[in-house]
Amino acid sequence: MNGHGVTIAGIGRYAPAGILSNSDLENLVDTNDEWIMQRTGMKRRHIAAPEQATSDLAYPAARAALAAAGRTPHDLDCVIVATATPDYLFPATACLVASRLGIPGTPAFDISIAC
Protein backbone atom coordinates (compact mmCIF):
# COMPACT_ATOMS: atom_id res chain seq x y z
CA MET A 1 0.00 0.00 0.00
CA ASN A 2 1.15 3.60 0.39
CA GLY A 3 2.71 3.44 3.86
CA HIS A 4 0.62 6.37 5.11
CA GLY A 5 -1.97 5.37 7.68
CA VAL A 6 -4.63 2.73 7.39
CA THR A 7 -7.03 2.23 4.51
CA ILE A 8 -10.09 0.03 4.35
CA ALA A 9 -10.39 -0.28 0.60
CA GLY A 10 -13.03 -3.01 0.43
CA ILE A 11 -15.49 -4.87 2.57
CA GLY A 12 -16.39 -8.53 2.16
CA ARG A 13 -18.78 -10.90 3.85
CA TYR A 14 -19.56 -14.56 3.91
CA ALA A 15 -22.39 -16.49 5.55
CA PRO A 16 -22.33 -20.26 5.88
CA ALA A 17 -25.06 -22.25 4.12
CA GLY A 18 -26.70 -23.64 7.26
CA ILE A 19 -29.74 -21.70 8.46
CA LEU A 20 -31.51 -21.88 11.80
CA SER A 21 -34.90 -20.14 11.73
CA ASN A 22 -37.01 -18.98 14.63
CA SER A 23 -39.46 -21.80 13.90
CA ASP A 24 -36.52 -24.24 14.16
CA LEU A 25 -35.77 -22.77 17.59
CA GLU A 26 -39.42 -23.14 18.61
CA ASN A 27 -38.96 -26.90 18.14
CA LEU A 28 -35.80 -26.95 20.28
CA VAL A 29 -36.64 -24.70 23.23
CA ASP A 30 -39.64 -23.04 24.85
CA THR A 31 -39.82 -19.88 22.74
CA ASN A 32 -41.69 -18.39 19.79
CA ASP A 33 -41.02 -16.17 16.81
CA GLU A 34 -42.65 -13.10 18.37
CA TRP A 35 -40.55 -13.35 21.57
CA ILE A 36 -37.32 -13.72 19.57
CA MET A 37 -38.19 -10.90 17.14
CA GLN A 38 -39.04 -8.47 19.97
CA ARG A 39 -35.71 -9.09 21.67
CA THR A 40 -33.28 -9.62 18.79
CA GLY A 41 -34.99 -8.58 15.56
CA MET A 42 -33.77 -11.83 14.00
CA LYS A 43 -35.83 -14.21 11.88
CA ARG A 44 -32.97 -16.57 11.07
CA ARG A 45 -29.27 -17.02 11.62
CA HIS A 46 -26.55 -18.69 9.57
CA ILE A 47 -24.87 -21.65 11.25
CA ALA A 48 -21.43 -22.96 10.36
CA ALA A 49 -21.15 -26.68 9.66
CA PRO A 50 -19.35 -28.71 12.34
CA GLU A 51 -16.27 -29.02 10.12
CA GLN A 52 -16.11 -25.26 9.42
CA ALA A 53 -13.72 -23.16 11.48
CA THR A 54 -13.62 -19.39 11.76
CA SER A 55 -10.81 -19.21 9.19
CA ASP A 56 -13.03 -21.14 6.74
CA LEU A 57 -15.57 -18.31 7.03
CA ALA A 58 -13.03 -15.48 7.07
CA TYR A 59 -11.20 -16.61 3.92
CA PRO A 60 -14.08 -16.13 1.43
CA ALA A 61 -14.96 -12.85 3.16
CA ALA A 62 -11.36 -11.70 2.68
CA ARG A 63 -11.44 -12.72 -1.00
CA ALA A 64 -14.68 -10.74 -1.42
CA ALA A 65 -13.14 -7.68 0.27
CA LEU A 66 -10.11 -7.88 -2.00
CA ALA A 67 -12.34 -8.16 -5.07
CA ALA A 68 -14.44 -5.18 -3.93
CA ALA A 69 -11.25 -3.15 -3.52
CA GLY A 70 -9.76 -4.30 -6.82
CA ARG A 71 -6.71 -5.56 -4.93
CA THR A 72 -4.76 -8.80 -4.62
CA PRO A 73 -3.53 -10.48 -1.44
CA HIS A 74 -0.01 -9.21 -2.21
CA ASP A 75 -1.30 -5.63 -1.83
CA LEU A 76 -1.97 -6.27 1.88
CA ASP A 77 0.41 -5.00 4.55
CA CYS A 78 -1.42 -6.75 7.41
CA VAL A 79 -4.27 -9.20 7.99
CA ILE A 80 -6.55 -8.61 10.99
CA VAL A 81 -9.34 -10.96 12.04
CA ALA A 82 -11.83 -9.72 14.64
CA THR A 83 -13.22 -12.76 16.43
CA ALA A 84 -14.11 -14.15 19.82
CA THR A 85 -14.08 -17.67 18.34
CA PRO A 86 -10.58 -18.33 16.95
CA ASP A 87 -9.67 -21.64 15.32
CA TYR A 88 -6.92 -22.14 17.91
CA LEU A 89 -5.26 -20.19 20.69
CA PHE A 90 -2.11 -20.27 18.54
CA PRO A 91 -1.55 -19.48 15.71
CA ALA A 92 -3.89 -16.55 15.28
CA THR A 93 -6.78 -17.12 12.89
CA ALA A 94 -5.47 -14.16 10.87
CA CYS A 95 -2.25 -16.12 10.24
CA LEU A 96 -4.30 -19.01 8.86
CA VAL A 97 -6.24 -16.65 6.60
CA ALA A 98 -3.02 -15.00 5.39
CA SER A 99 -1.58 -18.42 4.59
CA ARG A 100 -4.69 -19.39 2.60
CA LEU A 101 -4.47 -16.07 0.76
CA GLY A 102 -0.96 -17.08 -0.30
CA ILE A 103 0.82 -14.43 1.76
CA PRO A 104 2.35 -16.31 4.72
CA GLY A 105 4.79 -14.12 6.63
CA THR A 106 2.58 -11.03 6.24
CA PRO A 107 1.91 -9.50 9.67
CA ALA A 108 -1.35 -10.93 10.94
CA PHE A 109 -3.20 -10.90 14.25
CA ASP A 110 -6.61 -11.42 15.85
CA ILE A 111 -8.49 -8.88 17.92
CA SER A 112 -11.50 -9.31 20.17
CA ILE A 113 -13.34 -7.26 22.74
CA ALA A 114 -13.89 -8.72 26.17
CA CYS A 115 -16.94 -7.37 27.94
C-alpha atoms as a PDB file:
ATOM      1  CA  MET A   1       0.000   0.000   0.000  1.00  0.00           C
ATOM      2  CA  ASN A   2       1.150   3.599   0.388  1.00  0.00           C
ATOM      3  CA  GLY A   3       2.710   3.437   3.864  1.00  0.00           C
ATOM      4  CA  HIS A   4       0.618   6.366   5.110  1.00  0.00           C
ATOM      5  CA  GLY A   5      -1.970   5.367   7.677  1.00  0.00           C
ATOM      6  CA  VAL A   6      -4.631   2.729   7.386  1.00  0.00           C
ATOM      7  CA  THR A   7      -7.034   2.233   4.513  1.00  0.00           C
ATOM      8  CA  ILE A   8     -10.094   0.027   4.349  1.00  0.00           C
ATOM      9  CA  ALA A   9     -10.392  -0.279   0.596  1.00  0.00           C
ATOM     10  CA  GLY A  10     -13.029  -3.006   0.429  1.00  0.00           C
ATOM     11  CA  ILE A  11     -15.493  -4.874   2.573  1.00  0.00           C
ATOM     12  CA  GLY A  12     -16.391  -8.534   2.161  1.00  0.00           C
ATOM     13  CA  ARG A  13     -18.783 -10.900   3.846  1.00  0.00           C
ATOM     14  CA  TYR A  14     -19.565 -14.564   3.911  1.00  0.00           C
ATOM     15  CA  ALA A  15     -22.390 -16.487   5.553  1.00  0.00           C
ATOM     16  CA  PRO A  16     -22.335 -20.263   5.878  1.00  0.00           C
ATOM     17  CA  ALA A  17     -25.056 -22.252   4.119  1.00  0.00           C
ATOM     18  CA  GLY A  18     -26.697 -23.638   7.258  1.00  0.00           C
ATOM     19  CA  ILE A  19     -29.737 -21.702   8.459  1.00  0.00           C
ATOM     20  CA  LEU A  20     -31.515 -21.877  11.797  1.00  0.00           C
ATOM     21  CA  SER A  21     -34.904 -20.139  11.728  1.00  0.00           C
ATOM     22  CA  ASN A  22     -37.009 -18.982  14.630  1.00  0.00           C
ATOM     23  CA  SER A  23     -39.456 -21.797  13.902  1.00  0.00           C
ATOM     24  CA  ASP A  24     -36.524 -24.242  14.164  1.00  0.00           C
ATOM     25  CA  LEU A  25     -35.774 -22.766  17.589  1.00  0.00           C
ATOM     26  CA  GLU A  26     -39.416 -23.139  18.607  1.00  0.00           C
ATOM     27  CA  ASN A  27     -38.961 -26.896  18.143  1.00  0.00           C
ATOM     28  CA  LEU A  28     -35.801 -26.946  20.278  1.00  0.00           C
ATOM     29  CA  VAL A  29     -36.639 -24.703  23.233  1.00  0.00           C
ATOM     30  CA  ASP A  30     -39.643 -23.044  24.849  1.00  0.00           C
ATOM     31  CA  THR A  31     -39.820 -19.876  22.736  1.00  0.00           C
ATOM     32  CA  ASN A  32     -41.689 -18.393  19.793  1.00  0.00           C
ATOM     33  CA  ASP A  33     -41.022 -16.169  16.809  1.00  0.00           C
ATOM     34  CA  GLU A  34     -42.650 -13.095  18.370  1.00  0.00           C
ATOM     35  CA  TRP A  35     -40.545 -13.353  21.568  1.00  0.00           C
ATOM     36  CA  ILE A  36     -37.316 -13.718  19.568  1.00  0.00           C
ATOM     37  CA  MET A  37     -38.190 -10.899  17.143  1.00  0.00           C
ATOM     38  CA  GLN A  38     -39.037  -8.471  19.970  1.00  0.00           C
ATOM     39  CA  ARG A  39     -35.706  -9.087  21.672  1.00  0.00           C
ATOM     40  CA  THR A  40     -33.282  -9.621  18.792  1.00  0.00           C
ATOM     41  CA  GLY A  41     -34.993  -8.577  15.563  1.00  0.00           C
ATOM     42  CA  MET A  42     -33.773 -11.833  13.998  1.00  0.00           C
ATOM     43  CA  LYS A  43     -35.831 -14.211  11.877  1.00  0.00           C
ATOM     44  CA  ARG A  44     -32.975 -16.574  11.072  1.00  0.00           C
ATOM     45  CA  ARG A  45     -29.272 -17.020  11.615  1.00  0.00           C
ATOM     46  CA  HIS A  46     -26.553 -18.694   9.566  1.00  0.00           C
ATOM     47  CA  ILE A  47     -24.866 -21.652  11.250  1.00  0.00           C
ATOM     48  CA  ALA A  48     -21.431 -22.963  10.360  1.00  0.00           C
ATOM     49  CA  ALA A  49     -21.145 -26.676   9.662  1.00  0.00           C
ATOM     50  CA  PRO A  50     -19.346 -28.715  12.345  1.00  0.00           C
ATOM     51  CA  GLU A  51     -16.274 -29.021  10.116  1.00  0.00           C
ATOM     52  CA  GLN A  52     -16.109 -25.260   9.423  1.00  0.00           C
ATOM     53  CA  ALA A  53     -13.716 -23.164  11.480  1.00  0.00           C
ATOM     54  CA  THR A  54     -13.623 -19.388  11.760  1.00  0.00           C
ATOM     55  CA  SER A  55     -10.812 -19.206   9.187  1.00  0.00           C
ATOM     56  CA  ASP A  56     -13.026 -21.142   6.736  1.00  0.00           C
ATOM     57  CA  LEU A  57     -15.565 -18.314   7.028  1.00  0.00           C
ATOM     58  CA  ALA A  58     -13.028 -15.480   7.065  1.00  0.00           C
ATOM     59  CA  TYR A  59     -11.197 -16.612   3.922  1.00  0.00           C
ATOM     60  CA  PRO A  60     -14.079 -16.129   1.432  1.00  0.00           C
ATOM     61  CA  ALA A  61     -14.964 -12.847   3.163  1.00  0.00           C
ATOM     62  CA  ALA A  62     -11.359 -11.703   2.682  1.00  0.00           C
ATOM     63  CA  ARG A  63     -11.438 -12.722  -0.999  1.00  0.00           C
ATOM     64  CA  ALA A  64     -14.681 -10.742  -1.421  1.00  0.00           C
ATOM     65  CA  ALA A  65     -13.140  -7.675   0.269  1.00  0.00           C
ATOM     66  CA  LEU A  66     -10.108  -7.879  -2.003  1.00  0.00           C
ATOM     67  CA  ALA A  67     -12.345  -8.164  -5.074  1.00  0.00           C
ATOM     68  CA  ALA A  68     -14.435  -5.177  -3.926  1.00  0.00           C
ATOM     69  CA  ALA A  69     -11.251  -3.151  -3.524  1.00  0.00           C
ATOM     70  CA  GLY A  70      -9.760  -4.296  -6.820  1.00  0.00           C
ATOM     71  CA  ARG A  71      -6.711  -5.563  -4.930  1.00  0.00           C
ATOM     72  CA  THR A  72      -4.760  -8.804  -4.620  1.00  0.00           C
ATOM     73  CA  PRO A  73      -3.527 -10.480  -1.445  1.00  0.00           C
ATOM     74  CA  HIS A  74      -0.014  -9.212  -2.212  1.00  0.00           C
ATOM     75  CA  ASP A  75      -1.300  -5.634  -1.832  1.00  0.00           C
ATOM     76  CA  LEU A  76      -1.968  -6.266   1.880  1.00  0.00           C
ATOM     77  CA  ASP A  77       0.407  -5.004   4.549  1.00  0.00           C
ATOM     78  CA  CYS A  78      -1.421  -6.748   7.406  1.00  0.00           C
ATOM     79  CA  VAL A  79      -4.273  -9.197   7.988  1.00  0.00           C
ATOM     80  CA  ILE A  80      -6.550  -8.610  10.992  1.00  0.00           C
ATOM     81  CA  VAL A  81      -9.340 -10.957  12.036  1.00  0.00           C
ATOM     82  CA  ALA A  82     -11.826  -9.723  14.639  1.00  0.00           C
ATOM     83  CA  THR A  83     -13.222 -12.759  16.426  1.00  0.00           C
ATOM     84  CA  ALA A  84     -14.107 -14.151  19.817  1.00  0.00           C
ATOM     85  CA  THR A  85     -14.079 -17.670  18.344  1.00  0.00           C
ATOM     86  CA  PRO A  86     -10.583 -18.335  16.950  1.00  0.00           C
ATOM     87  CA  ASP A  87      -9.667 -21.638  15.319  1.00  0.00           C
ATOM     88  CA  TYR A  88      -6.918 -22.139  17.907  1.00  0.00           C
ATOM     89  CA  LEU A  89      -5.261 -20.193  20.693  1.00  0.00           C
ATOM     90  CA  PHE A  90      -2.115 -20.274  18.542  1.00  0.00           C
ATOM     91  CA  PRO A  91      -1.548 -19.481  15.715  1.00  0.00           C
ATOM     92  CA  ALA A  92      -3.891 -16.546  15.283  1.00  0.00           C
ATOM     93  CA  THR A  93      -6.784 -17.118  12.892  1.00  0.00           C
ATOM     94  CA  ALA A  94      -5.468 -14.163  10.868  1.00  0.00           C
ATOM     95  CA  CYS A  95      -2.254 -16.121  10.235  1.00  0.00           C
ATOM     96  CA  LEU A  96      -4.302 -19.014   8.857  1.00  0.00           C
ATOM     97  CA  VAL A  97      -6.237 -16.648   6.596  1.00  0.00           C
ATOM     98  CA  ALA A  98      -3.018 -15.002   5.392  1.00  0.00           C
ATOM     99  CA  SER A  99      -1.582 -18.422   4.587  1.00  0.00           C
ATOM    100  CA  ARG A 100      -4.695 -19.388   2.597  1.00  0.00           C
ATOM    101  CA  LEU A 101      -4.472 -16.070   0.758  1.00  0.00           C
ATOM    102  CA  GLY A 102      -0.959 -17.083  -0.297  1.00  0.00           C
ATOM    103  CA  ILE A 103       0.824 -14.433   1.759  1.00  0.00           C
ATOM    104  CA  PRO A 104       2.349 -16.306   4.723  1.00  0.00           C
ATOM    105  CA  GLY A 105       4.790 -14.117   6.628  1.00  0.00           C
ATOM    106  CA  THR A 106       2.581 -11.026   6.238  1.00  0.00           C
ATOM    107  CA  PRO A 107       1.913  -9.499   9.672  1.00  0.00           C
ATOM    108  CA  ALA A 108      -1.349 -10.929  10.945  1.00  0.00           C
ATOM    109  CA  PHE A 109      -3.201 -10.900  14.255  1.00  0.00           C
ATOM    110  CA  ASP A 110      -6.605 -11.419  15.855  1.00  0.00           C
ATOM    111  CA  ILE A 111      -8.489  -8.878  17.920  1.00  0.00           C
ATOM    112  CA  SER A 112     -11.502  -9.314  20.174  1.00  0.00           C
ATOM    113  CA  ILE A 113     -13.340  -7.262  22.737  1.00  0.00           C
ATOM    114  CA  ALA A 114     -13.894  -8.722  26.173  1.00  0.00           C
ATOM    115  CA  CYS A 115     -16.943  -7.366  27.938  1.00  0.00           C
END
